[in-house]
Amino acid sequence: MKKYVSLDKRSKKAQKEYYSERRVTWGELNPVTRSVPSEKGYNRKKDKQEMRRADIRSGDGFEVSSFFITFKIK
């Protein structure tokens, strides 16, 4: 018959084994709390996407290559 040794007196390896045996999984459920962002709040990312879409539709896009060719440092 094995003697009982309290958890705090066990080695780290033995403690790890003990806790891993008792640990259970969440299965398909994800325990992370999620919140739905408010539509009233300011969303910088959404504004940038809308600006890019507007530029693509209008064709007034800024081309970087022509900018560097024009203002080349000598």
Protein backbone atom coordinates (compact mmCIF):
# COMPACT_ATOMS: atom_id res chain seq x y z
CA MET A 1 0.00 0.00 0.00
CA LYS A 2 1.35 3.40 -1.04
CA LYS A 3 1.67 6.18 1.47
CA TYR A 4 -0.09 9.45 0.72
CA VAL A 5 2.26 12.39 0.21
CA SER A 6 0.73 15.87 0.14
CA LEU A 7 0.93 17.81 -3.11
CA ASP A 8 3.20 20.53 -1.80
CA LYS A 9 5.80 17.94 -0.75
CA ARG A 10 5.81 16.11 -4.09
CA SER A 11 8.34 16.78 -6.80
CA LYS A 12 7.43 19.11 -9.66
CA LYS A 13 7.17 16.13 -12.00
CA ALA A 14 4.77 14.32 -9.65
CA GLN A 15 2.67 17.46 -9.22
CA LYS A 16 2.48 17.86 -12.99
CA GLU A 17 1.34 14.26 -13.42
CA TYR A 18 -1.30 14.67 -10.70
CA TYR A 19 -2.78 17.82 -12.22
CA SER A 20 -2.65 16.50 -15.80
CA GLU A 21 -4.70 13.45 -14.75
CA ARG A 22 -7.42 15.66 -13.29
CA ARG A 23 -7.49 18.27 -16.03
CA VAL A 24 -10.41 18.04 -18.44
CA THR A 25 -10.88 19.58 -21.86
CA TRP A 26 -13.58 21.98 -22.92
CA GLY A 27 -14.27 19.90 -26.04
CA GLU A 28 -15.84 21.99 -28.80
CA LEU A 29 -16.58 24.88 -26.44
CA ASN A 30 -14.10 27.77 -26.46
CA PRO A 31 -13.91 29.38 -22.99
CA VAL A 32 -12.75 32.77 -24.30
CA THR A 33 -15.26 35.51 -23.59
CA ARG A 34 -16.33 37.35 -26.71
CA SER A 35 -18.04 40.69 -27.01
CA VAL A 36 -19.82 42.16 -29.99
CA PRO A 37 -18.39 45.59 -30.89
CA SER A 38 -20.83 48.47 -30.75
CA GLU A 39 -21.87 49.91 -34.10
CA LYS A 40 -21.98 53.40 -32.58
CA GLY A 41 -18.29 53.39 -31.64
CA TYR A 42 -15.50 54.76 -33.83
CA ASN A 43 -13.67 52.08 -35.78
CA ARG A 44 -10.48 53.36 -37.43
CA LYS A 45 -9.97 50.11 -39.33
CA LYS A 46 -13.43 50.32 -40.88
CA ASP A 47 -12.85 53.93 -41.93
CA LYS A 48 -9.57 53.02 -43.65
CA GLN A 49 -11.25 50.20 -45.55
CA GLU A 50 -14.02 52.51 -46.74
CA MET A 51 -11.47 55.11 -47.89
CA ARG A 52 -9.55 52.47 -49.87
CA ARG A 53 -12.73 51.23 -51.51
CA ALA A 54 -13.66 54.79 -52.49
CA ASP A 55 -10.16 55.36 -54.00
CA ILE A 56 -10.36 52.16 -56.03
CA ARG A 57 -13.79 53.03 -57.40
CA SER A 58 -12.86 56.58 -58.35
CA GLY A 59 -9.48 55.65 -59.86
CA ASP A 60 -7.69 58.47 -58.00
CA GLY A 61 -5.16 56.14 -56.42
CA PHE A 62 -1.75 57.47 -55.45
CA GLU A 63 1.12 55.72 -57.20
CA VAL A 64 4.29 55.55 -55.15
CA SER A 65 6.60 54.72 -58.05
CA SER A 66 5.82 57.96 -59.94
CA PHE A 67 6.36 59.95 -56.74
CA PHE A 68 9.89 58.60 -56.22
CA ILE A 69 10.84 59.10 -59.87
CA THR A 70 9.69 62.74 -59.77
CA PHE A 71 11.43 63.65 -56.52
CA LYS A 72 14.64 61.68 -56.87
CA ILE A 73 17.42 62.93 -54.62
CA LYS A 74 20.68 63.61 -56.48
